[in-house]
Amino acid sequence: MDNALVKFVTELVSRLLSKNPKFFDKIQVVSIVVGAVSTLVHYLQSSGVELPKLFAALDNLTVVVTSVITIILAQLPNDTGASK
């Protein structure tokens, strides 16, 4: 059991620090942009700025949390060179 946990943690760390395939890099960029826009909308609305309803829909904590989770999950696939 302990050996399996050590293997899991070392594989997780190596995947988090490894190079990603281009597709997952693009997913990360899109997730960062969506999370940043959602955070900006939340900041502006909490400061009292009135935004159109289209932007007001992005003022949601779920969007920010989902963006962070997507950024982390998109980092897990590693580029082994087999797909080239």
PDB file of N, CA and C in Angstrom:
ATOM      1  N   MET A   1       0.836  -1.209   0.000  1.00  0.00           N
ATOM      2  CA  MET A   1       0.000   0.000   0.000  1.00  0.00           C
ATOM      3  C   MET A   1       0.865   1.250   0.000  1.00  0.00           C
ATOM      4  N   ASP A   2       1.866   1.255   0.870  1.00  0.00           N
ATOM      5  CA  ASP A   2       2.722   2.425   0.976  1.00  0.00           C
ATOM      6  C   ASP A   2       3.525   2.629  -0.306  1.00  0.00           C
ATOM      7  N   ASN A   3       3.962   1.535  -0.910  1.00  0.00           N
ATOM      8  CA  ASN A   3       4.722   1.621  -2.149  1.00  0.00           C
ATOM      9  C   ASN A   3       3.863   2.183  -3.284  1.00  0.00           C
ATOM     10  N   ALA A   4       2.608   1.816  -3.346  1.00  0.00           N
ATOM     11  CA  ALA A   4       1.702   2.328  -4.374  1.00  0.00           C
ATOM     12  C   ALA A   4       1.463   3.826  -4.189  1.00  0.00           C
ATOM     13  N   LEU A   5       1.371   4.261  -2.958  1.00  0.00           N
ATOM     14  CA  LEU A   5       1.177   5.684  -2.684  1.00  0.00           C
ATOM     15  C   LEU A   5       2.403   6.486  -3.107  1.00  0.00           C
ATOM     16  N   VAL A   6       3.583   5.966  -2.841  1.00  0.00           N
ATOM     17  CA  VAL A   6       4.820   6.648  -3.235  1.00  0.00           C
ATOM     18  C   VAL A   6       4.910   6.728  -4.752  1.00  0.00           C
ATOM     19  N   LYS A   7       4.571   5.642  -5.445  1.00  0.00           N
ATOM     20  CA  LYS A   7       4.582   5.641  -6.910  1.00  0.00           C
ATOM     21  C   LYS A   7       3.599   6.663  -7.468  1.00  0.00           C
ATOM     22  N   PHE A   8       2.403   6.730  -6.853  1.00  0.00           N
ATOM     23  CA  PHE A   8       1.389   7.685  -7.300  1.00  0.00           C
ATOM     24  C   PHE A   8       1.880   9.121  -7.141  1.00  0.00           C
ATOM     25  N   VAL A   9       2.440   9.432  -5.999  1.00  0.00           N
ATOM     26  CA  VAL A   9       2.898  10.800  -5.736  1.00  0.00           C
ATOM     27  C   VAL A   9       4.057  11.165  -6.660  1.00  0.00           C
ATOM     28  N   THR A  10       4.994  10.261  -6.869  1.00  0.00           N
ATOM     29  CA  THR A  10       6.117  10.576  -7.756  1.00  0.00           C
ATOM     30  C   THR A  10       5.648  10.741  -9.198  1.00  0.00           C
ATOM     31  N   GLU A  11       4.698   9.913  -9.641  1.00  0.00           N
ATOM     32  CA  GLU A  11       4.163  10.066 -11.000  1.00  0.00           C
ATOM     33  C   GLU A  11       3.397  11.383 -11.136  1.00  0.00           C
ATOM     34  N   LEU A  12       2.626  11.748 -10.120  1.00  0.00           N
ATOM     35  CA  LEU A  12       1.876  12.999 -10.141  1.00  0.00           C
ATOM     36  C   LEU A  12       2.822  14.195 -10.224  1.00  0.00           C
ATOM     37  N   VAL A  13       3.857  14.194  -9.422  1.00  0.00           N
ATOM     38  CA  VAL A  13       4.814  15.304  -9.430  1.00  0.00           C
ATOM     39  C   VAL A  13       5.537  15.371 -10.770  1.00  0.00           C
ATOM     40  N   SER A  14       5.937  14.231 -11.309  1.00  0.00           N
ATOM     41  CA  SER A  14       6.642  14.252 -12.593  1.00  0.00           C
ATOM     42  C   SER A  14       5.736  14.741 -13.715  1.00  0.00           C
ATOM     43  N   ARG A  15       4.452  14.394 -13.669  1.00  0.00           N
ATOM     44  CA  ARG A  15       3.516  14.873 -14.694  1.00  0.00           C
ATOM     45  C   ARG A  15       3.235  16.363 -14.546  1.00  0.00           C
ATOM     46  N   LEU A  16       3.152  16.848 -13.318  1.00  0.00           N
ATOM     47  CA  LEU A  16       2.907  18.276 -13.112  1.00  0.00           C
ATOM     48  C   LEU A  16       4.085  19.126 -13.577  1.00  0.00           C
ATOM     49  N   LEU A  17       5.280  18.573 -13.552  1.00  0.00           N
ATOM     50  CA  LEU A  17       6.467  19.329 -13.928  1.00  0.00           C
ATOM     51  C   LEU A  17       6.926  19.052 -15.357  1.00  0.00           C
ATOM     52  N   SER A  18       6.239  18.158 -16.073  1.00  0.00           N
ATOM     53  CA  SER A  18       6.676  17.799 -17.422  1.00  0.00           C
ATOM     54  C   SER A  18       6.041  18.708 -18.478  1.00  0.00           C
ATOM     55  N   LYS A  19       6.548  18.577 -19.701  1.00  0.00           N
ATOM     56  CA  LYS A  19       6.047  19.362 -20.826  1.00  0.00           C
ATOM     57  C   LYS A  19       4.718  18.778 -21.295  1.00  0.00           C
ATOM     58  N   ASN A  20       3.804  19.657 -21.680  1.00  0.00           N
ATOM     59  CA  ASN A  20       2.468  19.236 -22.133  1.00  0.00           C
ATOM     60  C   ASN A  20       2.397  19.135 -23.646  1.00  0.00           C
ATOM     61  N   PRO A  21       1.481  18.306 -24.155  1.00  0.00           N
ATOM     62  CA  PRO A  21       1.163  18.366 -25.585  1.00  0.00           C
ATOM     63  C   PRO A  21       0.522  19.721 -25.914  1.00  0.00           C
ATOM     64  N   LYS A  22       0.593  20.136 -27.172  1.00  0.00           N
ATOM     65  CA  LYS A  22       0.095  21.453 -27.574  1.00  0.00           C
ATOM     66  C   LYS A  22      -1.395  21.622 -27.294  1.00  0.00           C
ATOM     67  N   PHE A  23      -2.190  20.571 -27.498  1.00  0.00           N
ATOM     68  CA  PHE A  23      -3.632  20.652 -27.264  1.00  0.00           C
ATOM     69  C   PHE A  23      -3.933  21.056 -25.824  1.00  0.00           C
ATOM     70  N   PHE A  24      -3.237  20.426 -24.874  1.00  0.00           N
ATOM     71  CA  PHE A  24      -3.493  20.722 -23.471  1.00  0.00           C
ATOM     72  C   PHE A  24      -2.932  22.077 -23.072  1.00  0.00           C
ATOM     73  N   ASP A  25      -1.882  22.535 -23.756  1.00  0.00           N
ATOM     74  CA  ASP A  25      -1.407  23.897 -23.522  1.00  0.00           C
ATOM     75  C   ASP A  25      -2.479  24.907 -23.910  1.00  0.00           C
ATOM     76  N   LYS A  26      -3.154  24.657 -25.034  1.00  0.00           N
ATOM     77  CA  LYS A  26      -4.220  25.561 -25.471  1.00  0.00           C
ATOM     78  C   LYS A  26      -5.398  25.533 -24.505  1.00  0.00           C
ATOM     79  N   ILE A  27      -5.728  24.363 -23.982  1.00  0.00           N
ATOM     80  CA  ILE A  27      -6.803  24.262 -22.987  1.00  0.00           C
ATOM     81  C   ILE A  27      -6.443  25.080 -21.749  1.00  0.00           C
ATOM     82  N   GLN A  28      -5.192  25.011 -21.338  1.00  0.00           N
ATOM     83  CA  GLN A  28      -4.765  25.787 -20.174  1.00  0.00           C
ATOM     84  C   GLN A  28      -4.874  27.282 -20.424  1.00  0.00           C
ATOM     85  N   VAL A  29      -4.479  27.733 -21.594  1.00  0.00           N
ATOM     86  CA  VAL A  29      -4.557  29.161 -21.904  1.00  0.00           C
ATOM     87  C   VAL A  29      -6.000  29.641 -21.890  1.00  0.00           C
ATOM     88  N   VAL A  30      -6.897  28.866 -22.502  1.00  0.00           N
ATOM     89  CA  VAL A  30      -8.314  29.235 -22.513  1.00  0.00           C
ATOM     90  C   VAL A  30      -8.863  29.266 -21.089  1.00  0.00           C
ATOM     91  N   SER A  31      -8.489  28.301 -20.273  1.00  0.00           N
ATOM     92  CA  SER A  31      -8.967  28.266 -18.882  1.00  0.00           C
ATOM     93  C   SER A  31      -8.440  29.443 -18.081  1.00  0.00           C
ATOM     94  N   ILE A  32      -7.198  29.832 -18.326  1.00  0.00           N
ATOM     95  CA  ILE A  32      -6.634  30.988 -17.628  1.00  0.00           C
ATOM     96  C   ILE A  32      -7.382  32.258 -18.017  1.00  0.00           C
ATOM     97  N   VAL A  33      -7.680  32.414 -19.309  1.00  0.00           N
ATOM     98  CA  VAL A  33      -8.408  33.601 -19.769  1.00  0.00           C
ATOM     99  C   VAL A  33      -9.812  33.640 -19.171  1.00  0.00           C
ATOM    100  N   VAL A  34     -10.511  32.511 -19.194  1.00  0.00           N
ATOM    101  CA  VAL A  34     -11.883  32.472 -18.644  1.00  0.00           C
ATOM    102  C   VAL A  34     -11.859  32.764 -17.145  1.00  0.00           C
ATOM    103  N   GLY A  35     -10.925  32.184 -16.430  1.00  0.00           N
ATOM    104  CA  GLY A  35     -10.816  32.445 -14.991  1.00  0.00           C
ATOM    105  C   GLY A  35     -10.477  33.894 -14.693  1.00  0.00           C
ATOM    106  N   ALA A  36      -9.581  34.475 -15.496  1.00  0.00           N
ATOM    107  CA  ALA A  36      -9.200  35.877 -15.285  1.00  0.00           C
ATOM    108  C   ALA A  36     -10.368  36.817 -15.576  1.00  0.00           C
ATOM    109  N   VAL A  37     -11.100  36.547 -16.653  1.00  0.00           N
ATOM    110  CA  VAL A  37     -12.258  37.393 -16.984  1.00  0.00           C
ATOM    111  C   VAL A  37     -13.322  37.279 -15.896  1.00  0.00           C
ATOM    112  N   SER A  38     -13.565  36.063 -15.428  1.00  0.00           N
ATOM    113  CA  SER A  38     -14.560  35.873 -14.375  1.00  0.00           C
ATOM    114  C   SER A  38     -14.150  36.583 -13.092  1.00  0.00           C
ATOM    115  N   THR A  39     -12.878  36.516 -12.759  1.00  0.00           N
ATOM    116  CA  THR A  39     -12.387  37.211 -11.568  1.00  0.00           C
ATOM    117  C   THR A  39     -12.487  38.721 -11.728  1.00  0.00           C
ATOM    118  N   LEU A  40     -12.166  39.224 -12.923  1.00  0.00           N
ATOM    119  CA  LEU A  40     -12.273  40.655 -13.188  1.00  0.00           C
ATOM    120  C   LEU A  40     -13.724  41.129 -13.090  1.00  0.00           C
ATOM    121  N   VAL A  41     -14.647  40.354 -13.643  1.00  0.00           N
ATOM    122  CA  VAL A  41     -16.065  40.705 -13.569  1.00  0.00           C
ATOM    123  C   VAL A  41     -16.518  40.737 -12.117  1.00  0.00           C
ATOM    124  N   HIS A  42     -16.110  39.746 -11.343  1.00  0.00           N
ATOM    125  CA  HIS A  42     -16.486  39.715  -9.925  1.00  0.00           C
ATOM    126  C   HIS A  42     -15.923  40.933  -9.192  1.00  0.00           C
ATOM    127  N   TYR A  43     -14.671  41.285  -9.470  1.00  0.00           N
ATOM    128  CA  TYR A  43     -14.060  42.445  -8.836  1.00  0.00           C
ATOM    129  C   TYR A  43     -14.786  43.732  -9.209  1.00  0.00           C
ATOM    130  N   LEU A  44     -15.101  43.893 -10.490  1.00  0.00           N
ATOM    131  CA  LEU A  44     -15.787  45.111 -10.929  1.00  0.00           C
ATOM    132  C   LEU A  44     -17.179  45.220 -10.320  1.00  0.00           C
ATOM    133  N   GLN A  45     -17.903  44.122 -10.279  1.00  0.00           N
ATOM    134  CA  GLN A  45     -19.247  44.171  -9.704  1.00  0.00           C
ATOM    135  C   GLN A  45     -19.208  44.392  -8.197  1.00  0.00           C
ATOM    136  N   SER A  46     -18.208  43.846  -7.526  1.00  0.00           N
ATOM    137  CA  SER A  46     -18.118  44.094  -6.085  1.00  0.00           C
ATOM    138  C   SER A  46     -17.675  45.526  -5.794  1.00  0.00           C
ATOM    139  N   SER A  47     -17.061  46.188  -6.786  1.00  0.00           N
ATOM    140  CA  SER A  47     -16.674  47.590  -6.640  1.00  0.00           C
ATOM    141  C   SER A  47     -17.809  48.540  -6.979  1.00  0.00           C
ATOM    142  N   GLY A  48     -18.938  48.006  -7.445  1.00  0.00           N
ATOM    143  CA  GLY A  48     -20.099  48.828  -7.734  1.00  0.00           C
ATOM    144  C   GLY A  48     -20.259  49.203  -9.189  1.00  0.00           C
ATOM    145  N   VAL A  49     -19.466  48.633 -10.075  1.00  0.00           N
ATOM    146  CA  VAL A  49     -19.573  48.933 -11.503  1.00  0.00           C
ATOM    147  C   VAL A  49     -20.699  48.090 -12.100  1.00  0.00           C
ATOM    148  N   GLU A  50     -21.606  48.724 -12.808  1.00  0.00           N
ATOM    149  CA  GLU A  50     -22.700  48.017 -13.471  1.00  0.00           C
ATOM    150  C   GLU A  50     -22.220  47.484 -14.815  1.00  0.00           C
ATOM    151  N   LEU A  51     -22.366  46.188 -15.028  1.00  0.00           N
ATOM    152  CA  LEU A  51     -21.959  45.551 -16.274  1.00  0.00           C
ATOM    153  C   LEU A  51     -23.181  44.987 -16.988  1.00  0.00           C
ATOM    154  N   PRO A  52     -23.108  44.829 -18.302  1.00  0.00           N
ATOM    155  CA  PRO A  52     -24.219  44.194 -19.020  1.00  0.00           C
ATOM    156  C   PRO A  52     -24.449  42.769 -18.513  1.00  0.00           C
ATOM    157  N   LYS A  53     -25.651  42.269 -18.734  1.00  0.00           N
ATOM    158  CA  LYS A  53     -26.018  40.946 -18.219  1.00  0.00           C
ATOM    159  C   LYS A  53     -25.141  39.833 -18.786  1.00  0.00           C
ATOM    160  N   LEU A  54     -24.640  40.014 -20.000  1.00  0.00           N
ATOM    161  CA  LEU A  54     -23.753  39.014 -20.584  1.00  0.00           C
ATOM    162  C   LEU A  54     -22.519  38.821 -19.710  1.00  0.00           C
ATOM    163  N   PHE A  55     -21.934  39.903 -19.243  1.00  0.00           N
ATOM    164  CA  PHE A  55     -20.755  39.817 -18.393  1.00  0.00           C
ATOM    165  C   PHE A  55     -21.120  39.445 -16.964  1.00  0.00           C
ATOM    166  N   ALA A  56     -22.288  39.865 -16.535  1.00  0.00           N
ATOM    167  CA  ALA A  56     -22.721  39.559 -15.174  1.00  0.00           C
ATOM    168  C   ALA A  56     -22.888  38.056 -14.965  1.00  0.00           C
ATOM    169  N   ALA A  57     -23.166  37.329 -16.034  1.00  0.00           N
ATOM    170  CA  ALA A  57     -23.304  35.876 -15.928  1.00  0.00           C
ATOM    171  C   ALA A  57     -21.973  35.209 -15.576  1.00  0.00           C
ATOM    172  N   LEU A  58     -20.874  35.871 -15.886  1.00  0.00           N
ATOM    173  CA  LEU A  58     -19.565  35.307 -15.561  1.00  0.00           C
ATOM    174  C   LEU A  58     -19.167  35.530 -14.106  1.00  0.00           C
ATOM    175  N   ASP A  59     -19.924  36.332 -13.388  1.00  0.00           N
ATOM    176  CA  ASP A  59     -19.637  36.582 -11.975  1.00  0.00           C
ATOM    177  C   ASP A  59     -20.127  35.381 -11.169  1.00  0.00           C
ATOM    178  N   ASN A  60     -19.346  34.319 -11.219  1.00  0.00           N
ATOM    179  CA  ASN A  60     -19.758  33.074 -10.601  1.00  0.00           C
ATOM    180  C   ASN A  60     -18.516  32.370 -10.068  1.00  0.00           C
ATOM    181  N   LEU A  61     -18.549  31.984  -8.825  1.00  0.00           N
ATOM    182  CA  LEU A  61     -17.415  31.290  -8.225  1.00  0.00           C
ATOM    183  C   LEU A  61     -17.189  29.932  -8.886  1.00  0.00           C
ATOM    184  N   THR A  62     -18.242  29.322  -9.370  1.00  0.00           N
ATOM    185  CA  THR A  62     -18.118  28.024 -10.036  1.00  0.00           C
ATOM    186  C   THR A  62     -17.236  28.119 -11.275  1.00  0.00           C
ATOM    187  N   VAL A  63     -17.332  29.216 -12.012  1.00  0.00           N
ATOM    188  CA  VAL A  63     -16.503  29.404 -13.208  1.00  0.00           C
ATOM    189  C   VAL A  63     -15.032  29.492 -12.817  1.00  0.00           C
ATOM    190  N   VAL A  64     -14.724  30.198 -11.760  1.00  0.00           N
ATOM    191  CA  VAL A  64     -13.335  30.346 -11.326  1.00  0.00           C
ATOM    192  C   VAL A  64     -12.784  29.004 -10.841  1.00  0.00           C
ATOM    193  N   VAL A  65     -13.546  28.297 -10.032  1.00  0.00           N
ATOM    194  CA  VAL A  65     -13.096  26.999  -9.516  1.00  0.00           C
ATOM    195  C   VAL A  65     -12.911  26.000 -10.656  1.00  0.00           C
ATOM    196  N   THR A  66     -13.847  25.991 -11.603  1.00  0.00           N
ATOM    197  CA  THR A  66     -13.730  25.094 -12.748  1.00  0.00           C
ATOM    198  C   THR A  66     -12.508  25.434 -13.588  1.00  0.00           C
ATOM    199  N   SER A  67     -12.207  26.694 -13.747  1.00  0.00           N
ATOM    200  CA  SER A  67     -11.015  27.103 -14.495  1.00  0.00           C
ATOM    201  C   SER A  67      -9.740  26.608 -13.823  1.00  0.00           C
ATOM    202  N   VAL A  68      -9.669  26.739 -12.520  1.00  0.00           N
ATOM    203  CA  VAL A  68      -8.488  26.279 -11.789  1.00  0.00           C
ATOM    204  C   VAL A  68      -8.339  24.766 -11.901  1.00  0.00           C
ATOM    205  N   ILE A  69      -9.441  24.039 -11.746  1.00  0.00           N
ATOM    206  CA  ILE A  69      -9.391  22.578 -11.862  1.00  0.00           C
ATOM    207  C   ILE A  69      -8.976  22.166 -13.274  1.00  0.00           C
ATOM    208  N   THR A  70      -9.490  22.858 -14.287  1.00  0.00           N
ATOM    209  CA  THR A  70      -9.128  22.542 -15.669  1.00  0.00           C
ATOM    210  C   THR A  70      -7.654  22.818 -15.929  1.00  0.00           C
ATOM    211  N   ILE A  71      -7.132  23.883 -15.380  1.00  0.00           N
ATOM    212  CA  ILE A  71      -5.706  24.197 -15.538  1.00  0.00           C
ATOM    213  C   ILE A  71      -4.850  23.076 -14.943  1.00  0.00           C
ATOM    214  N   ILE A  72      -5.230  22.608 -13.777  1.00  0.00           N
ATOM    215  CA  ILE A  72      -4.465  21.537 -13.123  1.00  0.00           C
ATOM    216  C   ILE A  72      -4.590  20.224 -13.897  1.00  0.00           C
ATOM    217  N   LEU A  73      -5.807  19.868 -14.304  1.00  0.00           N
ATOM    218  CA  LEU A  73      -6.003  18.608 -15.026  1.00  0.00           C
ATOM    219  C   LEU A  73      -5.350  18.623 -16.399  1.00  0.00           C
ATOM    220  N   ALA A  74      -5.283  19.776 -17.037  1.00  0.00           N
ATOM    221  CA  ALA A  74      -4.630  19.864 -18.348  1.00  0.00           C
ATOM    222  C   ALA A  74      -3.117  19.739 -18.223  1.00  0.00           C
ATOM    223  N   GLN A  75      -2.589  19.893 -17.031  1.00  0.00           N
ATOM    224  CA  GLN A  75      -1.153  19.747 -16.823  1.00  0.00           C
ATOM    225  C   GLN A  75      -0.752  18.275 -16.661  1.00  0.00           C
ATOM    226  N   LEU A  76      -1.688  17.393 -16.351  1.00  0.00           N
ATOM    227  CA  LEU A  76      -1.349  16.008 -16.046  1.00  0.00           C
ATOM    228  C   LEU A  76      -0.878  15.180 -17.242  1.00  0.00           C
ATOM    229  N   PRO A  77      -1.450  15.321 -18.451  1.00  0.00           N
ATOM    230  CA  PRO A  77      -0.921  14.535 -19.569  1.00  0.00           C
ATOM    231  C   PRO A  77       0.492  14.995 -19.901  1.00  0.00           C
ATOM    232  N   ASN A  78       1.385  14.041 -20.120  1.00  0.00           N
ATOM    233  CA  ASN A  78       2.740  14.443 -20.474  1.00  0.00           C
ATOM    234  C   ASN A  78       3.040  14.082 -21.914  1.00  0.00           C
ATOM    235  N   ASP A  79       3.968  14.813 -22.488  1.00  0.00           N
ATOM    236  CA  ASP A  79       4.339  14.637 -23.888  1.00  0.00           C
ATOM    237  C   ASP A  79       5.431  13.571 -23.973  1.00  0.00           C
ATOM    238  N   THR A  80       5.029  12.365 -24.357  1.00  0.00           N
ATOM    239  CA  THR A  80       6.001  11.266 -24.453  1.00  0.00           C
ATOM    240  C   THR A  80       6.606  11.161 -25.836  1.00  0.00           C
ATOM    241  N   GLY A  81       6.073  11.917 -26.789  1.00  0.00           N
ATOM    242  CA  GLY A  81       6.598  11.883 -28.138  1.00  0.00           C
ATOM    243  C   GLY A  81       5.970  10.795 -28.995  1.00  0.00           C
ATOM    244  N   ALA A  82       5.102   9.983 -28.438  1.00  0.00           N
ATOM    245  CA  ALA A  82       4.482   8.882 -29.186  1.00  0.00           C
ATOM    246  C   ALA A  82       3.452   9.377 -30.177  1.00  0.00           C
ATOM    247  N   SER A  83       2.887  10.560 -29.932  1.00  0.00           N
ATOM    248  CA  SER A  83       1.833  11.069 -30.813  1.00  0.00           C
ATOM    249  C   SER A  83       2.372  11.838 -32.005  1.00  0.00           C
ATOM    250  N   LYS A  84       3.676  11.984 -32.098  1.00  0.00           N
ATOM    251  CA  LYS A  84       4.273  12.782 -33.184  1.00  0.00           C
ATOM    252  C   LYS A  84       4.399  11.992 -34.458  1.00  0.00           C
TER     253      LYS A  84
END
